[in-house]
Amino acid sequence: MSPIPRGSALQLASAARELGAEALRGRLERNEDGRWTVGHIEVESWLSKHQGLEVVVAVAAIDEEAPLPYTRVCRTCGNEYEGRVCPHCEAVRRRLRGG
């Protein structure tokens, strides 16, 4: 798997959350007990919440050497985004307006 730009990975996570899915963000590491963690979340226990269900698990390695694009922080929701408008708030506005 080749790394993808940070902005693309964050868009993937945002899209998952907008659809009602869960997404983890952080560095994948093993703790002292040999268990996989992402950030401070233990992956095995996080996955066990979905035991018996059909799931899709997507992993995106972030290219840390790619230049970071200019990002903004939304004053409404606090999300980082690129472009003129926050995609999260824009989606909420469209949903609330029925468009």
PDB file of N, CA and C in Angstrom:
ATOM      1  N   MET A   1       0.856  -1.166   0.000  1.00  0.00           N
ATOM      2  CA  MET A   1       0.000   0.000   0.000  1.00  0.00           C
ATOM      3  C   MET A   1       0.900   1.226   0.000  1.00  0.00           C
ATOM      4  N   SER A   2       0.618   2.140  -0.893  1.00  0.00           N
ATOM      5  CA  SER A   2       1.408   3.364  -0.921  1.00  0.00           C
ATOM      6  C   SER A   2       0.688   4.450  -0.121  1.00  0.00           C
ATOM      7  N   PRO A   3       1.449   5.309   0.546  1.00  0.00           N
ATOM      8  CA  PRO A   3       0.846   6.378   1.347  1.00  0.00           C
ATOM      9  C   PRO A   3       0.063   7.362   0.481  1.00  0.00           C
ATOM     10  N   ILE A   4      -0.961   7.962   1.082  1.00  0.00           N
ATOM     11  CA  ILE A   4      -1.765   8.973   0.394  1.00  0.00           C
ATOM     12  C   ILE A   4      -1.594  10.304   1.118  1.00  0.00           C
ATOM     13  N   PRO A   5      -1.884  11.418   0.441  1.00  0.00           N
ATOM     14  CA  PRO A   5      -1.747  12.724   1.097  1.00  0.00           C
ATOM     15  C   PRO A   5      -2.646  12.832   2.334  1.00  0.00           C
ATOM     16  N   ARG A   6      -2.173  13.560   3.325  1.00  0.00           N
ATOM     17  CA  ARG A   6      -2.906  13.745   4.580  1.00  0.00           C
ATOM     18  C   ARG A   6      -4.324  14.266   4.330  1.00  0.00           C
ATOM     19  N   GLY A   7      -4.462  15.227   3.433  1.00  0.00           N
ATOM     20  CA  GLY A   7      -5.784  15.793   3.144  1.00  0.00           C
ATOM     21  C   GLY A   7      -6.754  14.749   2.621  1.00  0.00           C
ATOM     22  N   SER A   8      -6.275  13.855   1.772  1.00  0.00           N
ATOM     23  CA  SER A   8      -7.127  12.789   1.236  1.00  0.00           C
ATOM     24  C   SER A   8      -7.546  11.823   2.337  1.00  0.00           C
ATOM     25  N   ALA A   9      -6.620  11.493   3.227  1.00  0.00           N
ATOM     26  CA  ALA A   9      -6.945  10.592   4.338  1.00  0.00           C
ATOM     27  C   ALA A   9      -7.978  11.223   5.262  1.00  0.00           C
ATOM     28  N   LEU A  10      -7.837  12.509   5.524  1.00  0.00           N
ATOM     29  CA  LEU A  10      -8.803  13.192   6.387  1.00  0.00           C
ATOM     30  C   LEU A  10     -10.166  13.287   5.721  1.00  0.00           C
ATOM     31  N   GLN A  11     -10.196  13.468   4.399  1.00  0.00           N
ATOM     32  CA  GLN A  11     -11.471  13.467   3.677  1.00  0.00           C
ATOM     33  C   GLN A  11     -12.141  12.110   3.771  1.00  0.00           C
ATOM     34  N   LEU A  12     -11.363  11.041   3.681  1.00  0.00           N
ATOM     35  CA  LEU A  12     -11.896   9.689   3.815  1.00  0.00           C
ATOM     36  C   LEU A  12     -12.534   9.508   5.192  1.00  0.00           C
ATOM     37  N   ALA A  13     -11.847   9.945   6.235  1.00  0.00           N
ATOM     38  CA  ALA A  13     -12.379   9.833   7.593  1.00  0.00           C
ATOM     39  C   ALA A  13     -13.624  10.694   7.771  1.00  0.00           C
ATOM     40  N   SER A  14     -13.618  11.900   7.219  1.00  0.00           N
ATOM     41  CA  SER A  14     -14.787  12.781   7.315  1.00  0.00           C
ATOM     42  C   SER A  14     -15.985  12.183   6.601  1.00  0.00           C
ATOM     43  N   ALA A  15     -15.755  11.612   5.422  1.00  0.00           N
ATOM     44  CA  ALA A  15     -16.851  10.985   4.674  1.00  0.00           C
ATOM     45  C   ALA A  15     -17.436   9.826   5.467  1.00  0.00           C
ATOM     46  N   ALA A  16     -16.588   9.044   6.111  1.00  0.00           N
ATOM     47  CA  ALA A  16     -17.072   7.922   6.926  1.00  0.00           C
ATOM     48  C   ALA A  16     -17.951   8.427   8.060  1.00  0.00           C
ATOM     49  N   ARG A  17     -17.513   9.469   8.741  1.00  0.00           N
ATOM     50  CA  ARG A  17     -18.295  10.015   9.861  1.00  0.00           C
ATOM     51  C   ARG A  17     -19.614  10.603   9.388  1.00  0.00           C
ATOM     52  N   GLU A  18     -19.604  11.272   8.245  1.00  0.00           N
ATOM     53  CA  GLU A  18     -20.839  11.851   7.713  1.00  0.00           C
ATOM     54  C   GLU A  18     -21.861  10.777   7.374  1.00  0.00           C
ATOM     55  N   LEU A  19     -21.386   9.578   7.031  1.00  0.00           N
ATOM     56  CA  LEU A  19     -22.277   8.462   6.718  1.00  0.00           C
ATOM     57  C   LEU A  19     -22.708   7.704   7.967  1.00  0.00           C
ATOM     58  N   GLY A  20     -22.228   8.123   9.128  1.00  0.00           N
ATOM     59  CA  GLY A  20     -22.589   7.464  10.373  1.00  0.00           C
ATOM     60  C   GLY A  20     -21.640   6.349  10.775  1.00  0.00           C
ATOM     61  N   ALA A  21     -20.532   6.213  10.068  1.00  0.00           N
ATOM     62  CA  ALA A  21     -19.539   5.184  10.392  1.00  0.00           C
ATOM     63  C   ALA A  21     -18.551   5.733  11.418  1.00  0.00           C
ATOM     64  N   GLU A  22     -17.697   4.872  11.903  1.00  0.00           N
ATOM     65  CA  GLU A  22     -16.653   5.281  12.833  1.00  0.00           C
ATOM     66  C   GLU A  22     -15.315   5.297  12.109  1.00  0.00           C
ATOM     67  N   ALA A  23     -14.440   6.175  12.529  1.00  0.00           N
ATOM     68  CA  ALA A  23     -13.104   6.246  11.941  1.00  0.00           C
ATOM     69  C   ALA A  23     -12.109   6.578  13.046  1.00  0.00           C
ATOM     70  N   LEU A  24     -10.965   5.944  12.999  1.00  0.00           N
ATOM     71  CA  LEU A  24      -9.886   6.237  13.943  1.00  0.00           C
ATOM     72  C   LEU A  24      -8.805   7.025  13.224  1.00  0.00           C
ATOM     73  N   ARG A  25      -8.168   7.913  13.959  1.00  0.00           N
ATOM     74  CA  ARG A  25      -7.063   8.673  13.384  1.00  0.00           C
ATOM     75  C   ARG A  25      -5.936   8.714  14.404  1.00  0.00           C
ATOM     76  N   GLY A  26      -4.755   8.406  13.972  1.00  0.00           N
ATOM     77  CA  GLY A  26      -3.604   8.443  14.858  1.00  0.00           C
ATOM     78  C   GLY A  26      -2.516   7.523  14.350  1.00  0.00           C
ATOM     79  N   ARG A  27      -1.463   7.429  15.104  1.00  0.00           N
ATOM     80  CA  ARG A  27      -0.339   6.575  14.733  1.00  0.00           C
ATOM     81  C   ARG A  27      -0.624   5.150  15.193  1.00  0.00           C
ATOM     82  N   LEU A  28      -0.429   4.182  14.277  1.00  0.00           N
ATOM     83  CA  LEU A  28      -0.621   2.762  14.582  1.00  0.00           C
ATOM     84  C   LEU A  28       0.631   2.244  15.272  1.00  0.00           C
ATOM     85  N   GLU A  29       0.458   1.754  16.503  1.00  0.00           N
ATOM     86  CA  GLU A  29       1.589   1.267  17.293  1.00  0.00           C
ATOM     87  C   GLU A  29       1.157   0.057  18.114  1.00  0.00           C
ATOM     88  N   ARG A  30       2.140  -0.639  18.649  1.00  0.00           N
ATOM     89  CA  ARG A  30       1.864  -1.715  19.608  1.00  0.00           C
ATOM     90  C   ARG A  30       2.179  -1.184  21.003  1.00  0.00           C
ATOM     91  N   ASN A  31       1.281  -1.473  21.958  1.00  0.00           N
ATOM     92  CA  ASN A  31       1.551  -1.043  23.330  1.00  0.00           C
ATOM     93  C   ASN A  31       2.450  -2.062  24.032  1.00  0.00           C
ATOM     94  N   GLU A  32       2.688  -1.869  25.320  1.00  0.00           N
ATOM     95  CA  GLU A  32       3.586  -2.746  26.076  1.00  0.00           C
ATOM     96  C   GLU A  32       3.091  -4.190  26.098  1.00  0.00           C
ATOM     97  N   ASP A  33       1.773  -4.381  26.012  1.00  0.00           N
ATOM     98  CA  ASP A  33       1.181  -5.723  26.039  1.00  0.00           C
ATOM     99  C   ASP A  33       1.177  -6.386  24.665  1.00  0.00           C
ATOM    100  N   GLY A  34       1.673  -5.689  23.647  1.00  0.00           N
ATOM    101  CA  GLY A  34       1.701  -6.239  22.298  1.00  0.00           C
ATOM    102  C   GLY A  34       0.410  -6.039  21.527  1.00  0.00           C
ATOM    103  N   ARG A  35      -0.499  -5.245  22.063  1.00  0.00           N
ATOM    104  CA  ARG A  35      -1.775  -4.992  21.387  1.00  0.00           C
ATOM    105  C   ARG A  35      -1.650  -3.756  20.499  1.00  0.00           C
ATOM    106  N   TRP A  36      -2.349  -3.804  19.361  1.00  0.00           N
ATOM    107  CA  TRP A  36      -2.325  -2.684  18.420  1.00  0.00           C
ATOM    108  C   TRP A  36      -3.172  -1.535  18.961  1.00  0.00           C
ATOM    109  N   THR A  37      -2.642  -0.318  18.839  1.00  0.00           N
ATOM    110  CA  THR A  37      -3.385   0.880  19.222  1.00  0.00           C
ATOM    111  C   THR A  37      -3.295   1.913  18.104  1.00  0.00           C
ATOM    112  N   VAL A  38      -4.322   2.717  18.014  1.00  0.00           N
ATOM    113  CA  VAL A  38      -4.319   3.901  17.149  1.00  0.00           C
ATOM    114  C   VAL A  38      -4.587   5.065  18.088  1.00  0.00           C
ATOM    115  N   GLY A  39      -3.584   5.917  18.248  1.00  0.00           N
ATOM    116  CA  GLY A  39      -3.694   6.945  19.269  1.00  0.00           C
ATOM    117  C   GLY A  39      -3.733   6.249  20.624  1.00  0.00           C
ATOM    118  N   HIS A  40      -4.749   6.522  21.411  1.00  0.00           N
ATOM    119  CA  HIS A  40      -4.898   5.866  22.714  1.00  0.00           C
ATOM    120  C   HIS A  40      -5.949   4.754  22.689  1.00  0.00           C
ATOM    121  N   ILE A  41      -6.497   4.434  21.524  1.00  0.00           N
ATOM    122  CA  ILE A  41      -7.571   3.443  21.406  1.00  0.00           C
ATOM    123  C   ILE A  41      -6.990   2.086  21.029  1.00  0.00           C
ATOM    124  N   GLU A  42      -7.360   1.068  21.801  1.00  0.00           N
ATOM    125  CA  GLU A  42      -6.932  -0.296  21.512  1.00  0.00           C
ATOM    126  C   GLU A  42      -7.803  -0.849  20.390  1.00  0.00           C
ATOM    127  N   VAL A  43      -7.186  -1.203  19.279  1.00  0.00           N
ATOM    128  CA  VAL A  43      -7.913  -1.580  18.066  1.00  0.00           C
ATOM    129  C   VAL A  43      -8.762  -2.831  18.272  1.00  0.00           C
ATOM    130  N   GLU A  44      -8.230  -3.842  18.940  1.00  0.00           N
ATOM    131  CA  GLU A  44      -8.984  -5.087  19.120  1.00  0.00           C
ATOM    132  C   GLU A  44     -10.274  -4.856  19.904  1.00  0.00           C
ATOM    133  N   SER A  45     -10.214  -4.100  20.980  1.00  0.00           N
ATOM    134  CA  SER A  45     -11.434  -3.847  21.756  1.00  0.00           C
ATOM    135  C   SER A  45     -12.395  -2.951  20.982  1.00  0.00           C
ATOM    136  N   TRP A  46     -11.858  -2.027  20.191  1.00  0.00           N
ATOM    137  CA  TRP A  46     -12.707  -1.165  19.364  1.00  0.00           C
ATOM    138  C   TRP A  46     -13.455  -2.001  18.331  1.00  0.00           C
ATOM    139  N   LEU A  47     -12.750  -2.947  17.701  1.00  0.00           N
ATOM    140  CA  LEU A  47     -13.381  -3.818  16.711  1.00  0.00           C
ATOM    141  C   LEU A  47     -14.366  -4.790  17.349  1.00  0.00           C
ATOM    142  N   SER A  48     -14.133  -5.188  18.596  1.00  0.00           N
ATOM    143  CA  SER A  48     -15.010  -6.166  19.243  1.00  0.00           C
ATOM    144  C   SER A  48     -16.435  -5.644  19.413  1.00  0.00           C
ATOM    145  N   LYS A  49     -16.614  -4.324  19.377  1.00  0.00           N
ATOM    146  CA  LYS A  49     -17.971  -3.753  19.459  1.00  0.00           C
ATOM    147  C   LYS A  49     -18.817  -4.165  18.263  1.00  0.00           C
ATOM    148  N   HIS A  50     -18.168  -4.565  17.186  1.00  0.00           N
ATOM    149  CA  HIS A  50     -18.870  -4.894  15.945  1.00  0.00           C
ATOM    150  C   HIS A  50     -18.822  -6.391  15.642  1.00  0.00           C
ATOM    151  N   GLN A  51     -18.514  -7.186  16.660  1.00  0.00           N
ATOM    152  CA  GLN A  51     -18.392  -8.636  16.464  1.00  0.00           C
ATOM    153  C   GLN A  51     -19.694  -9.209  15.918  1.00  0.00           C
ATOM    154  N   GLY A  52     -19.579 -10.043  14.899  1.00  0.00           N
ATOM    155  CA  GLY A  52     -20.737 -10.689  14.298  1.00  0.00           C
ATOM    156  C   GLY A  52     -21.375  -9.892  13.176  1.00  0.00           C
ATOM    157  N   LEU A  53     -20.951  -8.651  12.979  1.00  0.00           N
ATOM    158  CA  LEU A  53     -21.499  -7.806  11.920  1.00  0.00           C
ATOM    159  C   LEU A  53     -20.580  -7.825  10.704  1.00  0.00           C
ATOM    160  N   GLU A  54     -21.149  -7.637   9.540  1.00  0.00           N
ATOM    161  CA  GLU A  54     -20.323  -7.462   8.347  1.00  0.00           C
ATOM    162  C   GLU A  54     -19.817  -6.024   8.357  1.00  0.00           C
ATOM    163  N   VAL A  55     -18.521  -5.833   8.209  1.00  0.00           N
ATOM    164  CA  VAL A  55     -17.928  -4.499   8.277  1.00  0.00           C
ATOM    165  C   VAL A  55     -16.989  -4.265   7.099  1.00  0.00           C
ATOM    166  N   VAL A  56     -16.660  -3.010   6.887  1.00  0.00           N
ATOM    167  CA  VAL A  56     -15.619  -2.604   5.947  1.00  0.00           C
ATOM    168  C   VAL A  56     -14.558  -1.900   6.781  1.00  0.00           C
ATOM    169  N   VAL A  57     -13.331  -2.357   6.680  1.00  0.00           N
ATOM    170  CA  VAL A  57     -12.225  -1.725   7.392  1.00  0.00           C
ATOM    171  C   VAL A  57     -11.297  -1.125   6.345  1.00  0.00           C
ATOM    172  N   ALA A  58     -11.082   0.178   6.418  1.00  0.00           N
ATOM    173  CA  ALA A  58     -10.204   0.866   5.469  1.00  0.00           C
ATOM    174  C   ALA A  58      -9.023   1.447   6.239  1.00  0.00           C
ATOM    175  N   VAL A  59      -7.831   1.221   5.740  1.00  0.00           N
ATOM    176  CA  VAL A  59      -6.623   1.766   6.358  1.00  0.00           C
ATOM    177  C   VAL A  59      -5.904   2.597   5.310  1.00  0.00           C
ATOM    178  N   ALA A  60      -5.547   3.814   5.667  1.00  0.00           N
ATOM    179  CA  ALA A  60      -4.832   4.699   4.752  1.00  0.00           C
ATOM    180  C   ALA A  60      -3.553   5.165   5.437  1.00  0.00           C
ATOM    181  N   ALA A  61      -2.421   4.792   4.880  1.00  0.00           N
ATOM    182  CA  ALA A  61      -1.142   5.282   5.387  1.00  0.00           C
ATOM    183  C   ALA A  61      -0.946   6.705   4.874  1.00  0.00           C
ATOM    184  N   ILE A  62      -0.574   7.606   5.768  1.00  0.00           N
ATOM    185  CA  ILE A  62      -0.435   9.017   5.405  1.00  0.00           C
ATOM    186  C   ILE A  62       0.999   9.300   4.975  1.00  0.00           C
ATOM    187  N   ASP A  63       1.138   9.943   3.835  1.00  0.00           N
ATOM    188  CA  ASP A  63       2.446  10.345   3.319  1.00  0.00           C
ATOM    189  C   ASP A  63       2.904  11.569   4.099  1.00  0.00           C
ATOM    190  N   GLU A  64       3.835  11.357   5.021  1.00  0.00           N
ATOM    191  CA  GLU A  64       4.285  12.447   5.886  1.00  0.00           C
ATOM    192  C   GLU A  64       5.291  13.362   5.210  1.00  0.00           C
ATOM    193  N   GLU A  65       5.827  12.944   4.055  1.00  0.00           N
ATOM    194  CA  GLU A  65       6.810  13.773   3.372  1.00  0.00           C
ATOM    195  C   GLU A  65       6.180  14.685   2.331  1.00  0.00           C
ATOM    196  N   ALA A  66       4.931  14.414   1.965  1.00  0.00           N
ATOM    197  CA  ALA A  66       4.250  15.266   0.986  1.00  0.00           C
ATOM    198  C   ALA A  66       3.996  16.622   1.625  1.00  0.00           C
ATOM    199  N   PRO A  67       4.149  17.690   0.866  1.00  0.00           N
ATOM    200  CA  PRO A  67       3.892  19.013   1.439  1.00  0.00           C
ATOM    201  C   PRO A  67       2.432  19.133   1.856  1.00  0.00           C
ATOM    202  N   LEU A  68       2.232  19.704   3.029  1.00  0.00           N
ATOM    203  CA  LEU A  68       0.873  19.875   3.522  1.00  0.00           C
ATOM    204  C   LEU A  68       0.186  21.004   2.763  1.00  0.00           C
ATOM    205  N   PRO A  69      -1.020  20.780   2.265  1.00  0.00           N
ATOM    206  CA  PRO A  69      -1.744  21.856   1.598  1.00  0.00           C
ATOM    207  C   PRO A  69      -2.200  22.890   2.631  1.00  0.00           C
ATOM    208  N   TYR A  70      -2.515  24.055   2.140  1.00  0.00           N
ATOM    209  CA  TYR A  70      -3.005  25.099   3.019  1.00  0.00           C
ATOM    210  C   TYR A  70      -4.367  24.674   3.560  1.00  0.00           C
ATOM    211  N   THR A  71      -4.476  24.586   4.861  1.00  0.00           N
ATOM    212  CA  THR A  71      -5.750  24.202   5.464  1.00  0.00           C
ATOM    213  C   THR A  71      -6.283  25.343   6.308  1.00  0.00           C
ATOM    214  N   ARG A  72      -7.580  25.321   6.462  1.00  0.00           N
ATOM    215  CA  ARG A  72      -8.253  26.304   7.302  1.00  0.00           C
ATOM    216  C   ARG A  72      -8.961  25.561   8.421  1.00  0.00           C
ATOM    217  N   VAL A  73      -9.294  26.272   9.474  1.00  0.00           N
ATOM    218  CA  VAL A  73     -10.077  25.711  10.566  1.00  0.00           C
ATOM    219  C   VAL A  73     -11.435  26.392  10.549  1.00  0.00           C
ATOM    220  N   CYS A  74     -12.487  25.586  10.485  1.00  0.00           N
ATOM    221  CA  CYS A  74     -13.845  26.120  10.435  1.00  0.00           C
ATOM    222  C   CYS A  74     -14.182  26.787  11.769  1.00  0.00           C
ATOM    223  N   ARG A  75     -14.689  27.985  11.713  1.00  0.00           N
ATOM    224  CA  ARG A  75     -15.056  28.711  12.929  1.00  0.00           C
ATOM    225  C   ARG A  75     -16.335  28.168  13.557  1.00  0.00           C
ATOM    226  N   THR A  76     -17.103  27.401  12.788  1.00  0.00           N
ATOM    227  CA  THR A  76     -18.357  26.847  13.295  1.00  0.00           C
ATOM    228  C   THR A  76     -18.143  25.502  13.982  1.00  0.00           C
ATOM    229  N   CYS A  77     -17.511  24.550  13.264  1.00  0.00           N
ATOM    230  CA  CYS A  77     -17.387  23.189  13.803  1.00  0.00           C
ATOM    231  C   CYS A  77     -15.977  22.835  14.261  1.00  0.00           C
ATOM    232  N   GLY A  78     -14.989  23.614  13.869  1.00  0.00           N
ATOM    233  CA  GLY A  78     -13.621  23.350  14.290  1.00  0.00           C
ATOM    234  C   GLY A  78     -12.849  22.378  13.419  1.00  0.00           C
ATOM    235  N   ASN A  79     -13.488  21.831  12.372  1.00  0.00           N
ATOM    236  CA  ASN A  79     -12.798  20.902  11.469  1.00  0.00           C
ATOM    237  C   ASN A  79     -11.796  21.645  10.597  1.00  0.00           C
ATOM    238  N   GLU A  80     -10.722  20.944  10.232  1.00  0.00           N
ATOM    239  CA  GLU A  80      -9.778  21.483   9.254  1.00  0.00           C
ATOM    240  C   GLU A  80     -10.284  21.139   7.868  1.00  0.00           C
ATOM    241  N   TYR A  81     -10.120  22.054   6.924  1.00  0.00           N
ATOM    242  CA  TYR A  81     -10.570  21.795   5.553  1.00  0.00           C
ATOM    243  C   TYR A  81      -9.737  22.607   4.584  1.00  0.00           C
ATOM    244  N   GLU A  82      -9.834  22.218   3.300  1.00  0.00           N
ATOM    245  CA  GLU A  82      -9.205  22.964   2.220  1.00  0.00           C
ATOM    246  C   GLU A  82     -10.309  23.555   1.371  1.00  0.00           C
ATOM    247  N   GLY A  83     -10.022  24.654   0.718  1.00  0.00           N
ATOM    248  CA  GLY A  83     -11.012  25.259  -0.161  1.00  0.00           C
ATOM    249  C   GLY A  83     -11.699  26.443   0.487  1.00  0.00           C
ATOM    250  N   ARG A  84     -12.826  26.842  -0.132  1.00  0.00           N
ATOM    251  CA  ARG A  84     -13.517  28.049   0.319  1.00  0.00           C
ATOM    252  C   ARG A  84     -14.505  27.806   1.447  1.00  0.00           C
ATOM    253  N   VAL A  85     -15.133  26.620   1.482  1.00  0.00           N
ATOM    254  CA  VAL A  85     -16.134  26.346   2.518  1.00  0.00           C
ATOM    255  C   VAL A  85     -15.838  25.018   3.204  1.00  0.00           C
ATOM    256  N   CYS A  86     -16.246  24.906   4.437  1.00  0.00           N
ATOM    257  CA  CYS A  86     -16.081  23.672   5.200  1.00  0.00           C
ATOM    258  C   CYS A  86     -17.040  22.622   4.636  1.00  0.00           C
ATOM    259  N   PRO A  87     -16.535  21.484   4.141  1.00  0.00           N
ATOM    260  CA  PRO A  87     -17.419  20.477   3.556  1.00  0.00           C
ATOM    261  C   PRO A  87     -18.400  19.889   4.562  1.00  0.00           C
ATOM    262  N   HIS A  88     -17.999  19.790   5.828  1.00  0.00           N
ATOM    263  CA  HIS A  88     -18.906  19.257   6.846  1.00  0.00           C
ATOM    264  C   HIS A  88     -20.093  20.196   7.046  1.00  0.00           C
ATOM    265  N   CYS A  89     -19.812  21.472   7.260  1.00  0.00           N
ATOM    266  CA  CYS A  89     -20.888  22.447   7.481  1.00  0.00           C
ATOM    267  C   CYS A  89     -21.736  22.624   6.226  1.00  0.00           C
ATOM    268  N   GLU A  90     -21.115  22.550   5.051  1.00  0.00           N
ATOM    269  CA  GLU A  90     -21.859  22.657   3.800  1.00  0.00           C
ATOM    270  C   GLU A  90     -22.838  21.494   3.668  1.00  0.00           C
ATOM    271  N   ALA A  91     -22.410  20.283   4.025  1.00  0.00           N
ATOM    272  CA  ALA A  91     -23.297  19.115   3.964  1.00  0.00           C
ATOM    273  C   ALA A  91     -24.446  19.255   4.956  1.00  0.00           C
ATOM    274  N   VAL A  92     -24.155  19.771   6.141  1.00  0.00           N
ATOM    275  CA  VAL A  92     -25.209  19.978   7.143  1.00  0.00           C
ATOM    276  C   VAL A  92     -26.202  21.016   6.644  1.00  0.00           C
ATOM    277  N   ARG A  93     -25.705  22.115   6.066  1.00  0.00           N
ATOM    278  CA  ARG A  93     -26.605  23.150   5.533  1.00  0.00           C
ATOM    279  C   ARG A  93     -27.507  22.581   4.447  1.00  0.00           C
ATOM    280  N   ARG A  94     -26.921  21.784   3.537  1.00  0.00           N
ATOM    281  CA  ARG A  94     -27.729  21.181   2.465  1.00  0.00           C
ATOM    282  C   ARG A  94     -28.792  20.249   3.033  1.00  0.00           C
ATOM    283  N   ARG A  95     -28.394  19.449   4.029  1.00  0.00           N
ATOM    284  CA  ARG A  95     -29.348  18.509   4.618  1.00  0.00           C
ATOM    285  C   ARG A  95     -30.490  19.249   5.313  1.00  0.00           C
ATOM    286  N   LEU A  96     -30.167  20.302   6.064  1.00  0.00           N
ATOM    287  CA  LEU A  96     -31.198  21.044   6.792  1.00  0.00           C
ATOM    288  C   LEU A  96     -32.105  21.840   5.868  1.00  0.00           C
ATOM    289  N   ARG A  97     -31.569  22.274   4.739  1.00  0.00           N
ATOM    290  CA  ARG A  97     -32.370  23.035   3.774  1.00  0.00           C
ATOM    291  C   ARG A  97     -33.127  22.124   2.824  1.00  0.00           C
ATOM    292  N   GLY A  98     -32.871  20.819   2.921  1.00  0.00           N
ATOM    293  CA  GLY A  98     -33.585  19.875   2.068  1.00  0.00           C
ATOM    294  C   GLY A  98     -33.073  19.828   0.648  1.00  0.00           C
ATOM    295  N   GLY A  99     -31.817  20.228   0.436  1.00  0.00           N
ATOM    296  CA  GLY A  99     -31.272  20.276  -0.918  1.00  0.00           C
ATOM    297  C   GLY A  99     -30.330  19.247  -1.226  1.00  0.00           C
TER     298      GLY A  99
END
